[in-house]
Amino acid sequence: MTKFFGMGWRTFMAFITAAFAKEAVLGTLNAVFAGQSNVADVAFNASTGGVDTLALSQIMSQTISGAEALAFMFASTFSVPCLMALSTTYKESHSLKWTAKTAGFYVVAALILSCIVYHVALPFLG
C-alpha cells in the first residue's frame, strides 16, 4: 500500500518517525536497513559512531530505487516539521481542531507530492 506513495515499508517507517523528530530518520533508516543498532542509540548517539554511514549508503543504494529515494525526500521535506512544532501550534492557537487540521494538511500534502514525484520519476530513474 505504501508503494503507491512511492515508498517501501522501510522508507515509510522513516517518514512516520520524521513526524516526531527529523533527526530520528537516520536512526530509523539504519535500524531497518542495516539492523546494526536500535533507533534510540542511533538517533541520540550518532556522534559516538552509532551509524556506519558507508555501510548504510551501500545497503540503501542497492535496495531503494532512485524514484523511491526522490519520493522519500519530497515526503519528508514537506511533511509535519516535528511534534514540537505541532505542540507550539496548539499552544498559540488554543485549538486542537486547528492543530489536527494543520497536521493533516502537512501529511496529506506530503503524501500527494511524493506520489506524484514517484510516478513521474519512475520511468526515468527506475
Protein backbone atom coordinates (compact mmCIF):
# COMPACT_ATOMS: atom_id res chain seq x y z
CA MET A 1 0.00 0.00 0.00
CA THR A 2 2.85 2.40 0.73
CA LYS A 3 4.34 1.75 -2.71
CA PHE A 4 1.51 3.83 -4.21
CA PHE A 5 3.02 6.86 -2.47
CA GLY A 6 6.44 5.89 -3.78
CA MET A 7 7.86 4.48 -0.56
CA GLY A 8 8.53 0.95 0.58
CA TRP A 9 7.71 -0.08 4.12
CA ARG A 10 11.17 0.87 5.36
CA THR A 11 11.16 4.39 3.98
CA PHE A 12 7.54 4.83 5.07
CA MET A 13 8.53 3.96 8.64
CA ALA A 14 11.23 6.63 8.44
CA PHE A 15 8.61 9.06 7.12
CA ILE A 16 6.42 8.34 10.14
CA THR A 17 9.27 8.81 12.62
CA ALA A 18 10.13 12.12 10.95
CA ALA A 19 6.89 13.47 12.39
CA PHE A 20 8.35 13.07 15.88
CA ALA A 21 11.77 14.48 15.06
CA LYS A 22 13.57 14.88 11.75
CA GLU A 23 16.73 13.66 13.48
CA ALA A 24 15.13 10.25 14.04
CA VAL A 25 15.05 9.49 10.30
CA LEU A 26 18.70 8.45 10.17
CA GLY A 27 18.27 6.17 13.16
CA THR A 28 15.19 4.57 11.68
CA LEU A 29 16.84 4.02 8.30
CA ASN A 30 19.87 2.50 9.99
CA ALA A 31 17.74 0.21 12.15
CA VAL A 32 15.54 -1.09 9.32
CA PHE A 33 18.19 -1.36 6.61
CA ALA A 34 21.39 -2.26 8.42
CA GLY A 35 19.92 -3.60 11.65
CA GLN A 36 23.14 -2.71 13.43
CA SER A 37 21.55 -0.98 16.40
CA ASN A 38 18.25 0.28 17.68
CA VAL A 39 16.65 3.57 16.71
CA ALA A 40 17.26 5.31 20.04
CA ASP A 41 21.00 4.55 20.06
CA VAL A 42 21.50 5.86 16.56
CA ALA A 43 19.27 8.92 16.96
CA PHE A 44 20.80 10.11 20.21
CA ASN A 45 24.36 8.78 19.95
CA ALA A 46 25.12 9.46 16.29
CA SER A 47 28.25 11.43 17.16
CA THR A 48 29.74 8.47 19.03
CA GLY A 49 29.85 6.30 15.93
CA GLY A 50 26.47 4.60 16.16
CA VAL A 51 25.95 4.91 12.40
CA ASP A 52 28.18 3.34 9.79
CA THR A 53 27.21 5.74 7.01
CA LEU A 54 29.25 3.95 4.35
CA ALA A 55 27.55 0.61 5.01
CA LEU A 56 24.15 2.26 5.26
CA SER A 57 24.58 4.10 1.96
CA GLN A 58 25.67 0.92 0.19
CA ILE A 59 22.72 -1.08 1.52
CA MET A 60 20.25 1.67 0.70
CA SER A 61 21.59 2.26 -2.83
CA GLN A 62 21.16 -1.46 -3.56
CA THR A 63 17.68 -1.64 -2.03
CA ILE A 64 15.99 1.65 -2.90
CA SER A 65 15.39 2.85 -6.43
CA GLY A 66 16.15 6.42 -7.43
CA ALA A 67 12.45 7.19 -7.81
CA GLU A 68 11.70 5.90 -4.32
CA ALA A 69 14.55 7.93 -2.83
CA LEU A 70 13.29 11.07 -4.55
CA ALA A 71 9.73 10.42 -3.35
CA PHE A 72 11.00 9.89 0.19
CA MET A 73 12.93 13.17 0.09
CA PHE A 74 9.81 15.05 -1.02
CA ALA A 75 7.65 13.33 1.59
CA SER A 76 10.00 14.04 4.48
CA THR A 77 10.68 17.61 3.36
CA PHE A 78 7.05 18.63 3.03
CA SER A 79 5.65 16.69 5.97
CA VAL A 80 4.94 17.89 9.51
CA PRO A 81 8.04 19.70 10.78
CA CYS A 82 8.05 17.85 14.12
CA LEU A 83 5.95 17.13 17.16
CA MET A 84 7.28 20.21 18.94
CA ALA A 85 6.10 22.45 16.09
CA LEU A 86 2.63 20.94 16.41
CA SER A 87 2.62 21.49 20.16
CA THR A 88 3.59 25.12 19.58
CA THR A 89 0.75 25.46 17.08
CA TYR A 90 -1.65 24.14 19.69
CA LYS A 91 -0.22 26.39 22.38
CA GLU A 92 -0.56 29.50 20.22
CA SER A 93 -3.93 28.70 18.65
CA HIS A 94 -5.57 27.11 21.72
CA SER A 95 -7.41 24.84 19.30
CA LEU A 96 -6.93 21.10 19.00
CA LYS A 97 -9.13 21.15 15.90
CA TRP A 98 -6.88 23.69 14.15
CA THR A 99 -3.76 21.77 15.14
CA ALA A 100 -5.19 18.50 13.81
CA LYS A 101 -6.17 20.19 10.54
CA THR A 102 -2.67 21.62 10.19
CA ALA A 103 -1.02 18.25 10.82
CA GLY A 104 -3.44 16.52 8.47
CA PHE A 105 -2.75 19.05 5.74
CA TYR A 106 1.01 18.56 6.05
CA VAL A 107 0.79 14.77 5.94
CA VAL A 108 -1.72 14.58 3.09
CA ALA A 109 0.15 17.18 1.01
CA ALA A 110 3.45 15.36 1.56
CA LEU A 111 1.98 12.02 0.53
CA ILE A 112 0.32 13.50 -2.57
CA LEU A 113 3.58 15.18 -3.59
CA SER A 114 5.57 12.00 -3.03
CA CYS A 115 3.05 10.03 -5.08
CA ILE A 116 3.26 12.47 -7.99
CA VAL A 117 7.06 12.66 -7.85
CA TYR A 118 7.41 8.88 -7.69
CA HIS A 119 5.14 8.19 -10.65
CA VAL A 120 6.71 10.93 -12.76
CA ALA A 121 10.29 9.89 -11.90
CA LEU A 122 9.73 6.13 -12.19
CA PRO A 123 10.25 5.92 -15.98
CA PHE A 124 13.43 8.00 -15.75
CA LEU A 125 15.06 6.76 -12.56
CA GLY A 126 13.58 3.28 -12.34
